[in-house]
PDB file of N, CA and C in Angstrom:
ATOM      1  N   UNK A   1      18.339  93.963  72.736  1.00  0.00           N
ATOM      2  CA  UNK A   1      18.760  92.566  72.568  1.00  0.00           C
ATOM      3  C   UNK A   1      18.551  91.739  73.753  1.00  0.00           C
ATOM      4  N   UNK A   2      18.498  92.410  74.990  1.00  0.00           N
ATOM      5  CA  UNK A   2      18.290  91.713  76.211  1.00  0.00           C
ATOM      6  C   UNK A   2      16.897  91.084  76.274  1.00  0.00           C
ATOM      7  N   UNK A   3      15.894  91.733  75.608  1.00  0.00           N
ATOM      8  CA  UNK A   3      14.580  91.207  75.663  1.00  0.00           C
ATOM      9  C   UNK A   3      14.446  89.894  74.898  1.00  0.00           C
ATOM     10  N   UNK A   4      15.339  89.735  73.833  1.00  0.00           N
ATOM     11  CA  UNK A   4      15.364  88.509  73.061  1.00  0.00           C
ATOM     12  C   UNK A   4      15.790  87.333  73.986  1.00  0.00           C
ATOM     13  N   UNK A   5      16.814  87.592  74.773  1.00  0.00           N
ATOM     14  CA  UNK A   5      17.293  86.550  75.662  1.00  0.00           C
ATOM     15  C   UNK A   5      16.280  86.242  76.715  1.00  0.00           C
ATOM     16  N   UNK A   6      15.638  87.284  77.210  1.00  0.00           N
ATOM     17  CA  UNK A   6      14.652  87.109  78.299  1.00  0.00           C
ATOM     18  C   UNK A   6      13.418  86.288  77.794  1.00  0.00           C
ATOM     19  N   UNK A   7      12.957  86.527  76.566  1.00  0.00           N
ATOM     20  CA  UNK A   7      11.754  85.964  76.029  1.00  0.00           C
ATOM     21  C   UNK A   7      12.005  84.867  74.991  1.00  0.00           C
ATOM     22  N   UNK A   8      13.159  84.300  74.921  1.00  0.00           N
ATOM     23  CA  UNK A   8      13.500  83.376  73.913  1.00  0.00           C
ATOM     24  C   UNK A   8      12.654  82.071  73.913  1.00  0.00           C
ATOM     25  N   UNK A   9      12.320  81.557  75.064  1.00  0.00           N
ATOM     26  CA  UNK A   9      11.493  80.358  75.173  1.00  0.00           C
ATOM     27  C   UNK A   9      10.050  80.678  74.711  1.00  0.00           C
ATOM     28  N   UNK A  10       9.558  81.825  75.068  1.00  0.00           N
ATOM     29  CA  UNK A  10       8.177  82.186  74.622  1.00  0.00           C
ATOM     30  C   UNK A  10       8.128  82.412  73.119  1.00  0.00           C
ATOM     31  N   UNK A  11       9.136  83.050  72.533  1.00  0.00           N
ATOM     32  CA  UNK A  11       9.227  83.236  71.085  1.00  0.00           C
ATOM     33  C   UNK A  11       9.427  81.903  70.368  1.00  0.00           C
ATOM     34  N   UNK A  12      10.240  81.036  70.898  1.00  0.00           N
ATOM     35  CA  UNK A  12      10.416  79.697  70.284  1.00  0.00           C
ATOM     36  C   UNK A  12       9.128  78.914  70.308  1.00  0.00           C
ATOM     37  N   UNK A  13       8.448  78.925  71.459  1.00  0.00           N
ATOM     38  CA  UNK A  13       7.178  78.223  71.587  1.00  0.00           C
ATOM     39  C   UNK A  13       6.113  78.740  70.618  1.00  0.00           C
ATOM     40  N   UNK A  14       6.087  80.093  70.454  1.00  0.00           N
ATOM     41  CA  UNK A  14       5.098  80.700  69.530  1.00  0.00           C
ATOM     42  C   UNK A  14       5.437  80.308  68.140  1.00  0.00           C
ATOM     43  N   UNK A  15       6.664  80.337  67.757  1.00  0.00           N
ATOM     44  CA  UNK A  15       7.102  79.988  66.425  1.00  0.00           C
ATOM     45  C   UNK A  15       6.799  78.553  66.127  1.00  0.00           C
ATOM     46  N   UNK A  16       7.012  77.621  67.110  1.00  0.00           N
ATOM     47  CA  UNK A  16       6.682  76.227  66.925  1.00  0.00           C
ATOM     48  C   UNK A  16       5.156  76.017  66.767  1.00  0.00           C
ATOM     49  N   UNK A  17       4.424  76.721  67.548  1.00  0.00           N
ATOM     50  CA  UNK A  17       2.940  76.632  67.407  1.00  0.00           C
ATOM     51  C   UNK A  17       2.456  77.052  66.046  1.00  0.00           C
ATOM     52  N   UNK A  18       2.980  78.164  65.549  1.00  0.00           N
ATOM     53  CA  UNK A  18       2.613  78.697  64.228  1.00  0.00           C
ATOM     54  C   UNK A  18       2.980  77.688  63.146  1.00  0.00           C
ATOM     55  N   UNK A  19       4.180  77.122  63.245  1.00  0.00           N
ATOM     56  CA  UNK A  19       4.610  76.148  62.246  1.00  0.00           C
ATOM     57  C   UNK A  19       3.729  74.828  62.224  1.00  0.00           C
ATOM     58  N   UNK A  20       3.349  74.377  63.435  1.00  0.00           N
ATOM     59  CA  UNK A  20       2.576  73.191  63.565  1.00  0.00           C
ATOM     60  C   UNK A  20       1.136  73.432  63.006  1.00  0.00           C
ATOM     61  N   UNK A  21       0.580  74.605  63.413  1.00  0.00           N
ATOM     62  CA  UNK A  21      -0.795  74.895  62.967  1.00  0.00           C
ATOM     63  C   UNK A  21      -0.835  75.036  61.435  1.00  0.00           C
ATOM     64  N   UNK A  22       0.212  75.652  60.828  1.00  0.00           N
ATOM     65  CA  UNK A  22       0.188  75.928  59.428  1.00  0.00           C
ATOM     66  C   UNK A  22       0.328  74.622  58.624  1.00  0.00           C
ATOM     67  N   UNK A  23       0.711  73.571  59.198  1.00  0.00           N
ATOM     68  CA  UNK A  23       0.935  72.289  58.486  1.00  0.00           C
ATOM     69  C   UNK A  23      -0.125  71.204  58.840  1.00  0.00           C
ATOM     70  N   UNK A  24      -1.262  71.600  59.448  1.00  0.00           N
ATOM     71  CA  UNK A  24      -2.312  70.628  59.763  1.00  0.00           C
ATOM     72  C   UNK A  24      -2.807  70.036  58.397  1.00  0.00           C
ATOM     73  N   UNK A  25      -2.844  68.741  58.258  1.00  0.00           N
ATOM     74  CA  UNK A  25      -3.266  68.108  57.004  1.00  0.00           C
ATOM     75  C   UNK A  25      -4.752  68.329  56.783  1.00  0.00           C
ATOM     76  N   UNK A  26      -5.106  68.287  55.490  1.00  0.00           N
ATOM     77  CA  UNK A  26      -6.525  68.525  55.128  1.00  0.00           C
ATOM     78  C   UNK A  26      -7.422  67.367  55.535  1.00  0.00           C
ATOM     79  N   UNK A  27      -6.940  66.199  55.909  1.00  0.00           N
ATOM     80  CA  UNK A  27      -7.714  65.166  56.392  1.00  0.00           C
ATOM     81  C   UNK A  27      -8.514  65.522  57.624  1.00  0.00           C
ATOM     82  N   UNK A  28      -7.919  66.370  58.501  1.00  0.00           N
ATOM     83  CA  UNK A  28      -8.583  66.795  59.680  1.00  0.00           C
ATOM     84  C   UNK A  28      -9.834  67.686  59.347  1.00  0.00           C
ATOM     85  N   UNK A  29      -9.803  68.320  58.217  1.00  0.00           N
ATOM     86  CA  UNK A  29     -10.886  69.161  57.684  1.00  0.00           C
ATOM     87  C   UNK A  29     -12.164  68.406  57.566  1.00  0.00           C
ATOM     88  N   UNK A  30     -12.072  67.163  57.182  1.00  0.00           N
ATOM     89  CA  UNK A  30     -13.279  66.346  56.914  1.00  0.00           C
ATOM     90  C   UNK A  30     -14.053  66.142  58.185  1.00  0.00           C
ATOM     91  N   UNK A  31     -13.436  66.158  59.394  1.00  0.00           N
ATOM     92  CA  UNK A  31     -14.171  66.025  60.690  1.00  0.00           C
ATOM     93  C   UNK A  31     -14.933  67.187  61.042  1.00  0.00           C
ATOM     94  N   UNK A  32     -14.597  68.337  60.423  1.00  0.00           N
ATOM     95  CA  UNK A  32     -15.389  69.610  60.717  1.00  0.00           C
ATOM     96  C   UNK A  32     -16.669  69.760  59.855  1.00  0.00           C
ATOM     97  N   UNK A  33     -16.717  68.954  58.857  1.00  0.00           N
ATOM     98  CA  UNK A  33     -17.905  69.112  57.882  1.00  0.00           C
ATOM     99  C   UNK A  33     -19.126  68.407  58.353  1.00  0.00           C
ATOM    100  N   UNK A  34     -20.264  68.758  57.903  1.00  0.00           N
ATOM    101  CA  UNK A  34     -21.503  68.039  58.251  1.00  0.00           C
ATOM    102  C   UNK A  34     -21.481  66.558  57.752  1.00  0.00           C
ATOM    103  N   UNK A  35     -22.286  65.705  58.306  1.00  0.00           N
ATOM    104  CA  UNK A  35     -22.302  64.303  57.904  1.00  0.00           C
ATOM    105  C   UNK A  35     -22.773  64.025  56.527  1.00  0.00           C
ATOM    106  N   UNK A  36     -23.444  65.006  55.890  1.00  0.00           N
ATOM    107  CA  UNK A  36     -23.967  64.847  54.558  1.00  0.00           C
ATOM    108  C   UNK A  36     -22.959  65.211  53.461  1.00  0.00           C
ATOM    109  N   UNK A  37     -21.747  65.672  53.871  1.00  0.00           N
ATOM    110  CA  UNK A  37     -20.772  66.066  52.878  1.00  0.00           C
ATOM    111  C   UNK A  37     -19.633  65.033  52.968  1.00  0.00           C
ATOM    112  N   UNK A  38     -19.203  64.586  51.785  1.00  0.00           N
ATOM    113  CA  UNK A  38     -18.176  63.526  51.674  1.00  0.00           C
ATOM    114  C   UNK A  38     -17.052  64.013  50.793  1.00  0.00           C
ATOM    115  N   UNK A  39     -15.810  63.778  51.189  1.00  0.00           N
ATOM    116  CA  UNK A  39     -14.654  64.101  50.384  1.00  0.00           C
ATOM    117  C   UNK A  39     -13.727  62.921  50.271  1.00  0.00           C
ATOM    118  N   UNK A  40     -13.074  62.768  49.121  1.00  0.00           N
ATOM    119  CA  UNK A  40     -12.084  61.711  48.917  1.00  0.00           C
ATOM    120  C   UNK A  40     -10.926  62.279  48.210  1.00  0.00           C
ATOM    121  N   UNK A  41      -9.734  61.659  48.297  1.00  0.00           N
ATOM    122  CA  UNK A  41      -8.567  62.119  47.619  1.00  0.00           C
ATOM    123  C   UNK A  41      -8.077  63.449  48.189  1.00  0.00           C
ATOM    124  N   UNK A  42      -8.102  63.641  49.500  1.00  0.00           N
ATOM    125  CA  UNK A  42      -7.687  64.855  50.066  1.00  0.00           C
ATOM    126  C   UNK A  42      -6.193  65.007  50.026  1.00  0.00           C
ATOM    127  N   UNK A  43      -5.793  66.324  49.706  1.00  0.00           N
ATOM    128  CA  UNK A  43      -4.351  66.602  49.737  1.00  0.00           C
ATOM    129  C   UNK A  43      -4.237  68.028  50.189  1.00  0.00           C
ATOM    130  N   UNK A  44      -2.962  68.454  50.637  1.00  0.00           N
ATOM    131  CA  UNK A  44      -2.687  69.802  51.113  1.00  0.00           C
ATOM    132  C   UNK A  44      -2.901  69.931  52.542  1.00  0.00           C
ATOM    133  N   UNK A  45      -3.137  71.204  52.973  1.00  0.00           N
ATOM    134  CA  UNK A  45      -3.373  71.498  54.360  1.00  0.00           C
ATOM    135  C   UNK A  45      -4.813  72.064  54.537  1.00  0.00           C
ATOM    136  N   UNK A  46      -5.220  72.341  55.762  1.00  0.00           N
ATOM    137  CA  UNK A  46      -6.546  72.901  55.946  1.00  0.00           C
ATOM    138  C   UNK A  46      -6.499  74.366  55.436  1.00  0.00           C
ATOM    139  N   UNK A  47      -5.436  74.967  55.265  1.00  0.00           N
ATOM    140  CA  UNK A  47      -5.352  76.367  54.789  1.00  0.00           C
ATOM    141  C   UNK A  47      -5.433  76.344  53.224  1.00  0.00           C
ATOM    142  N   UNK A  48      -4.873  75.406  52.560  1.00  0.00           N
ATOM    143  CA  UNK A  48      -4.880  75.358  51.130  1.00  0.00           C
ATOM    144  C   UNK A  48      -4.822  73.902  50.661  1.00  0.00           C
ATOM    145  N   UNK A  49      -5.917  73.413  50.091  1.00  0.00           N
ATOM    146  CA  UNK A  49      -5.914  71.974  49.715  1.00  0.00           C
ATOM    147  C   UNK A  49      -6.980  71.742  48.734  1.00  0.00           C
ATOM    148  N   UNK A  50      -7.154  70.383  48.409  1.00  0.00           N
ATOM    149  CA  UNK A  50      -8.127  69.998  47.459  1.00  0.00           C
ATOM    150  C   UNK A  50      -8.653  68.661  47.791  1.00  0.00           C
ATOM    151  N   UNK A  51      -9.825  68.354  47.322  1.00  0.00           N
ATOM    152  CA  UNK A  51     -10.416  67.027  47.341  1.00  0.00           C
ATOM    153  C   UNK A  51     -10.717  66.609  45.889  1.00  0.00           C
ATOM    154  N   UNK A  52     -10.157  65.435  45.519  1.00  0.00           N
ATOM    155  CA  UNK A  52     -10.332  65.022  44.166  1.00  0.00           C
ATOM    156  C   UNK A  52     -11.812  64.771  43.811  1.00  0.00           C
ATOM    157  N   UNK A  53     -12.559  64.214  44.817  1.00  0.00           N
ATOM    158  CA  UNK A  53     -13.995  63.987  44.544  1.00  0.00           C
ATOM    159  C   UNK A  53     -14.759  64.401  45.816  1.00  0.00           C
ATOM    160  N   UNK A  54     -15.773  65.176  45.547  1.00  0.00           N
ATOM    161  CA  UNK A  54     -16.630  65.678  46.633  1.00  0.00           C
ATOM    162  C   UNK A  54     -18.102  65.513  46.246  1.00  0.00           C
ATOM    163  N   UNK A  55     -18.847  65.106  47.251  1.00  0.00           N
ATOM    164  CA  UNK A  55     -20.334  65.009  46.974  1.00  0.00           C
ATOM    165  C   UNK A  55     -21.088  65.197  48.276  1.00  0.00           C
ATOM    166  N   UNK A  56     -22.336  65.547  48.094  1.00  0.00           N
ATOM    167  CA  UNK A  56     -23.205  65.725  49.273  1.00  0.00           C
ATOM    168  C   UNK A  56     -24.490  65.048  49.018  1.00  0.00           C
ATOM    169  N   UNK A  57     -25.203  64.656  50.079  1.00  0.00           N
ATOM    170  CA  UNK A  57     -26.422  63.999  49.959  1.00  0.00           C
ATOM    171  C   UNK A  57     -27.594  65.024  50.162  1.00  0.00           C
ATOM    172  N   UNK A  58     -28.499  65.038  49.143  1.00  0.00           N
ATOM    173  CA  UNK A  58     -29.672  65.940  49.169  1.00  0.00           C
ATOM    174  C   UNK A  58     -30.906  65.082  48.926  1.00  0.00           C
ATOM    175  N   UNK A  59     -31.795  65.008  49.820  1.00  0.00           N
ATOM    176  CA  UNK A  59     -32.977  64.131  49.769  1.00  0.00           C
ATOM    177  C   UNK A  59     -32.575  62.694  49.470  1.00  0.00           C
ATOM    178  N   UNK A  60     -31.535  62.229  50.192  1.00  0.00           N
ATOM    179  CA  UNK A  60     -30.973  60.900  50.076  1.00  0.00           C
ATOM    180  C   UNK A  60     -30.501  60.501  48.665  1.00  0.00           C
ATOM    181  N   UNK A  61     -30.146  61.517  47.898  1.00  0.00           N
ATOM    182  CA  UNK A  61     -29.530  61.271  46.527  1.00  0.00           C
ATOM    183  C   UNK A  61     -28.218  62.091  46.508  1.00  0.00           C
ATOM    184  N   UNK A  62     -27.198  61.439  45.954  1.00  0.00           N
ATOM    185  CA  UNK A  62     -25.879  62.118  45.891  1.00  0.00           C
ATOM    186  C   UNK A  62     -25.833  63.222  44.826  1.00  0.00           C
ATOM    187  N   UNK A  63     -25.235  64.415  45.211  1.00  0.00           N
ATOM    188  CA  UNK A  63     -25.043  65.471  44.288  1.00  0.00           C
ATOM    189  C   UNK A  63     -23.474  65.614  44.149  1.00  0.00           C
ATOM    190  N   UNK A  64     -22.939  65.232  43.029  1.00  0.00           N
ATOM    191  CA  UNK A  64     -21.514  65.314  42.809  1.00  0.00           C
ATOM    192  C   UNK A  64     -21.033  66.769  42.629  1.00  0.00           C
ATOM    193  N   UNK A  65     -19.997  67.084  43.326  1.00  0.00           N
ATOM    194  CA  UNK A  65     -19.448  68.458  43.275  1.00  0.00           C
ATOM    195  C   UNK A  65     -18.151  68.489  42.505  1.00  0.00           C
ATOM    196  N   UNK A  66     -17.598  67.344  42.116  1.00  0.00           N
ATOM    197  CA  UNK A  66     -16.319  67.290  41.327  1.00  0.00           C
ATOM    198  C   UNK A  66     -15.124  67.520  42.168  1.00  0.00           C
ATOM    199  N   UNK A  67     -14.112  68.097  41.603  1.00  0.00           N
ATOM    200  CA  UNK A  67     -12.838  68.410  42.320  1.00  0.00           C
ATOM    201  C   UNK A  67     -13.033  69.756  43.037  1.00  0.00           C
ATOM    202  N   UNK A  68     -12.815  69.782  44.352  1.00  0.00           N
ATOM    203  CA  UNK A  68     -12.960  71.005  45.129  1.00  0.00           C
ATOM    204  C   UNK A  68     -11.660  71.477  45.612  1.00  0.00           C
ATOM    205  N   UNK A  69     -11.344  72.761  45.390  1.00  0.00           N
ATOM    206  CA  UNK A  69     -10.151  73.314  45.979  1.00  0.00           C
ATOM    207  C   UNK A  69     -10.594  74.476  46.910  1.00  0.00           C
ATOM    208  N   UNK A  70      -9.776  74.648  47.979  1.00  0.00           N
ATOM    209  CA  UNK A  70     -10.011  75.767  48.887  1.00  0.00           C
ATOM    210  C   UNK A  70      -8.722  76.428  49.349  1.00  0.00           C
ATOM    211  N   UNK A  71      -8.930  77.671  49.742  1.00  0.00           N
ATOM    212  CA  UNK A  71      -7.826  78.473  50.305  1.00  0.00           C
ATOM    213  C   UNK A  71      -8.348  79.326  51.374  1.00  0.00           C
ATOM    214  N   UNK A  72      -7.798  79.255  52.568  1.00  0.00           N
ATOM    215  CA  UNK A  72      -8.179  80.075  53.681  1.00  0.00           C
ATOM    216  C   UNK A  72      -7.096  81.078  53.965  1.00  0.00           C
ATOM    217  N   UNK A  73      -7.433  82.340  53.976  1.00  0.00           N
ATOM    218  CA  UNK A  73      -6.481  83.407  54.244  1.00  0.00           C
ATOM    219  C   UNK A  73      -7.019  84.289  55.373  1.00  0.00           C
ATOM    220  N   UNK A  74      -6.699  83.954  56.652  1.00  0.00           N
ATOM    221  CA  UNK A  74      -7.349  84.641  57.741  1.00  0.00           C
ATOM    222  C   UNK A  74      -6.955  86.184  57.811  1.00  0.00           C
ATOM    223  N   UNK A  75      -5.856  86.543  57.237  1.00  0.00           N
ATOM    224  CA  UNK A  75      -5.465  87.990  57.261  1.00  0.00           C
ATOM    225  C   UNK A  75      -6.358  88.813  56.431  1.00  0.00           C
ATOM    226  N   UNK A  76      -7.172  88.234  55.557  1.00  0.00           N
ATOM    227  CA  UNK A  76      -8.148  88.989  54.702  1.00  0.00           C
ATOM    228  C   UNK A  76      -9.478  89.146  55.386  1.00  0.00           C
ATOM    229  N   UNK A  77      -9.597  88.755  56.627  1.00  0.00           N
ATOM    230  CA  UNK A  77     -10.876  88.789  57.310  1.00  0.00           C
ATOM    231  C   UNK A  77     -11.418  90.230  57.402  1.00  0.00           C
ATOM    232  N   UNK A  78     -10.559  91.245  57.603  1.00  0.00           N
ATOM    233  CA  UNK A  78     -11.036  92.624  57.731  1.00  0.00           C
ATOM    234  C   UNK A  78     -11.546  93.267  56.478  1.00  0.00           C
ATOM    235  N   UNK A  79     -11.085  92.922  55.321  1.00  0.00           N
ATOM    236  CA  UNK A  79     -11.470  93.713  54.132  1.00  0.00           C
ATOM    237  C   UNK A  79     -11.988  92.823  52.942  1.00  0.00           C
ATOM    238  N   UNK A  80     -11.980  91.531  53.219  1.00  0.00           N
ATOM    239  CA  UNK A  80     -12.423  90.658  52.026  1.00  0.00           C
ATOM    240  C   UNK A  80     -12.932  89.324  52.658  1.00  0.00           C
ATOM    241  N   UNK A  81     -13.167  88.411  51.767  1.00  0.00           N
ATOM    242  CA  UNK A  81     -13.555  87.093  52.236  1.00  0.00           C
ATOM    243  C   UNK A  81     -12.283  86.228  52.433  1.00  0.00           C
ATOM    244  N   UNK A  82     -12.137  85.632  53.610  1.00  0.00           N
ATOM    245  CA  UNK A  82     -10.943  84.844  53.937  1.00  0.00           C
ATOM    246  C   UNK A  82     -10.958  83.442  53.348  1.00  0.00           C
ATOM    247  N   UNK A  83     -12.132  83.043  52.736  1.00  0.00           N
ATOM    248  CA  UNK A  83     -12.237  81.655  52.255  1.00  0.00           C
ATOM    249  C   UNK A  83     -12.588  81.730  50.723  1.00  0.00           C
ATOM    250  N   UNK A  84     -11.877  80.985  49.972  1.00  0.00           N
ATOM    251  CA  UNK A  84     -12.054  80.875  48.568  1.00  0.00           C
ATOM    252  C   UNK A  84     -12.303  79.409  48.227  1.00  0.00           C
ATOM    253  N   UNK A  85     -13.391  79.027  47.570  1.00  0.00           N
ATOM    254  CA  UNK A  85     -13.692  77.642  47.260  1.00  0.00           C
ATOM    255  C   UNK A  85     -14.013  77.628  45.729  1.00  0.00           C
ATOM    256  N   UNK A  86     -13.354  76.646  45.033  1.00  0.00           N
ATOM    257  CA  UNK A  86     -13.642  76.407  43.641  1.00  0.00           C
ATOM    258  C   UNK A  86     -13.950  74.975  43.394  1.00  0.00           C
ATOM    259  N   UNK A  87     -14.796  74.687  42.368  1.00  0.00           N
ATOM    260  CA  UNK A  87     -15.194  73.390  42.014  1.00  0.00           C
ATOM    261  C   UNK A  87     -15.043  73.111  40.499  1.00  0.00           C
ATOM    262  N   UNK A  88     -14.427  72.036  40.103  1.00  0.00           N
ATOM    263  CA  UNK A  88     -14.253  71.710  38.721  1.00  0.00           C
ATOM    264  C   UNK A  88     -15.070  70.492  38.385  1.00  0.00           C
ATOM    265  N   UNK A  89     -15.890  70.561  37.462  1.00  0.00           N
ATOM    266  CA  UNK A  89     -16.726  69.368  37.060  1.00  0.00           C
ATOM    267  C   UNK A  89     -16.120  68.775  35.788  1.00  0.00           C
ATOM    268  N   UNK A  90     -16.301  67.456  35.689  1.00  0.00           N
ATOM    269  CA  UNK A  90     -15.928  66.833  34.425  1.00  0.00           C
ATOM    270  C   UNK A  90     -14.774  65.892  34.455  1.00  0.00           C
TER     271      UNK A  90
END
């Protein structure tokens, strides 16, 4: 129990950092995408969210992708794909 008292600031800082990173809004995700991909109606976090409308430009013509949902699970990196993306048209 003495280690808890000794490292309490470090543990509190780490916990705060994890909580802040886990709540990053999905709007920040749009800045990471190429300029030819457009998203609107973003909701959720960068770890699990959706865009109500998504489209990309191919040969200067828009290709509608519909509603796009994603889920990032970094702990699955070792044995599976950490990113799941689905798209619903219509």
